[in-house]
């Protein structure tokens, strides 16, 4: 990540809506909420609810999200805390 000397602004910063859109595109039908946890555009937490998670373990679910984020996960996102649920699991939490 590159910072400008004057402002400390991260040029590679991501907006939570950008991450949300990438996950929604990669997991059609998913409900996604993303929050920037530090305000710096590189630490996030996401809630992803998808029927594609049915019958999958936690690692497989997270891999699906990482695949949807592609190169951004390797280059622009420093930290991403994930909560991945099926629609049934999400409903039972409410």
Protein backbone atom coordinates (compact mmCIF):
# COMPACT_ATOMS: atom_id res chain seq x y z
CA UNK A 1 0.00 0.00 0.00
CA UNK A 2 1.32 3.37 -0.93
CA UNK A 3 0.80 6.43 1.25
CA UNK A 4 1.29 9.98 0.16
CA UNK A 5 3.85 11.82 2.25
CA UNK A 6 1.66 14.83 3.01
CA UNK A 7 -1.76 13.52 3.87
CA UNK A 8 -1.21 9.89 4.84
CA UNK A 9 -4.06 9.01 2.45
CA UNK A 10 -3.91 5.50 1.08
CA UNK A 11 -4.28 5.63 -2.72
CA UNK A 12 -5.22 1.96 -2.85
CA UNK A 13 -7.94 2.32 -0.22
CA UNK A 14 -11.15 0.46 -0.92
CA UNK A 15 -14.66 1.59 -0.17
CA UNK A 16 -16.93 -0.91 1.62
CA UNK A 17 -19.44 -0.56 -1.24
CA UNK A 18 -16.76 -1.66 -3.71
CA UNK A 19 -16.08 -4.79 -1.68
CA UNK A 20 -19.81 -5.42 -1.30
CA UNK A 21 -20.31 -5.20 -5.06
CA UNK A 22 -17.45 -7.59 -5.78
CA UNK A 23 -18.82 -10.18 -3.36
CA UNK A 24 -22.37 -9.81 -4.70
CA UNK A 25 -21.10 -10.25 -8.25
CA UNK A 26 -19.08 -13.34 -7.30
CA UNK A 27 -21.86 -14.85 -5.18
CA UNK A 28 -25.14 -14.07 -6.98
CA UNK A 29 -28.09 -13.93 -4.61
CA UNK A 30 -25.95 -13.18 -1.55
CA UNK A 31 -26.88 -10.56 1.01
CA UNK A 32 -23.70 -8.65 1.89
CA UNK A 33 -22.90 -6.00 4.50
CA UNK A 34 -19.37 -4.57 4.70
CA UNK A 35 -17.94 -2.13 7.24
CA UNK A 36 -14.56 -0.37 7.28
CA UNK A 37 -13.34 -1.06 10.82
CA UNK A 38 -10.50 1.49 10.97
CA UNK A 39 -11.46 4.18 8.45
CA UNK A 40 -8.28 3.53 6.46
CA UNK A 41 -9.81 1.59 3.59
CA UNK A 42 -7.87 -1.63 4.20
CA UNK A 43 -9.41 -3.28 7.32
CA UNK A 44 -12.97 -4.56 6.97
CA UNK A 45 -15.56 -6.85 8.41
CA UNK A 46 -18.24 -8.45 6.28
CA UNK A 47 -21.43 -10.39 6.83
CA UNK A 48 -22.19 -12.61 3.83
CA UNK A 49 -25.41 -14.61 3.68
CA UNK A 50 -25.61 -16.96 0.71
CA UNK A 51 -27.50 -20.11 -0.26
CA UNK A 52 -24.26 -21.26 -1.91
CA UNK A 53 -22.85 -21.84 1.60
CA UNK A 54 -25.27 -24.74 2.23
CA UNK A 55 -23.35 -27.91 3.10
CA UNK A 56 -19.98 -26.11 3.10
CA UNK A 57 -17.58 -25.70 5.99
CA UNK A 58 -16.17 -22.40 7.20
CA UNK A 59 -12.96 -22.66 5.15
CA UNK A 60 -14.87 -23.37 1.92
CA UNK A 61 -17.21 -20.44 2.58
CA UNK A 62 -14.32 -18.06 3.16
CA UNK A 63 -12.58 -19.34 0.04
CA UNK A 64 -15.70 -18.49 -1.98
CA UNK A 65 -15.59 -14.91 -0.68
CA UNK A 66 -11.83 -14.61 -1.32
CA UNK A 67 -12.35 -15.87 -4.87
CA UNK A 68 -15.02 -13.21 -5.42
CA UNK A 69 -12.59 -10.52 -4.24
CA UNK A 70 -9.78 -11.87 -6.42
CA UNK A 71 -6.65 -9.74 -6.65
CA UNK A 72 -8.11 -7.07 -4.33
CA UNK A 73 -7.90 -9.53 -1.45
CA UNK A 74 -4.21 -10.06 -2.09
CA UNK A 75 -3.23 -6.47 -2.83
CA UNK A 76 -5.67 -3.90 -1.47
CA UNK A 77 -7.32 -5.51 1.57
CA UNK A 78 -5.04 -5.93 4.56
CA UNK A 79 -7.60 -7.56 6.87
CA UNK A 80 -11.10 -8.95 6.38
CA UNK A 81 -13.10 -10.46 9.24
CA UNK A 82 -15.81 -12.66 7.73
CA UNK A 83 -19.08 -13.97 9.08
CA UNK A 84 -20.50 -16.37 6.49
CA UNK A 85 -23.99 -17.77 6.99
CA UNK A 86 -26.65 -19.65 5.07
CA UNK A 87 -30.05 -17.93 4.86
CA UNK A 88 -31.39 -20.41 7.46
CA UNK A 89 -28.54 -19.65 9.87
CA UNK A 90 -29.10 -15.92 9.39
CA UNK A 91 -32.83 -16.23 10.10
CA UNK A 92 -32.23 -18.24 13.27
CA UNK A 93 -29.94 -15.46 14.61
CA UNK A 94 -32.64 -12.81 14.32
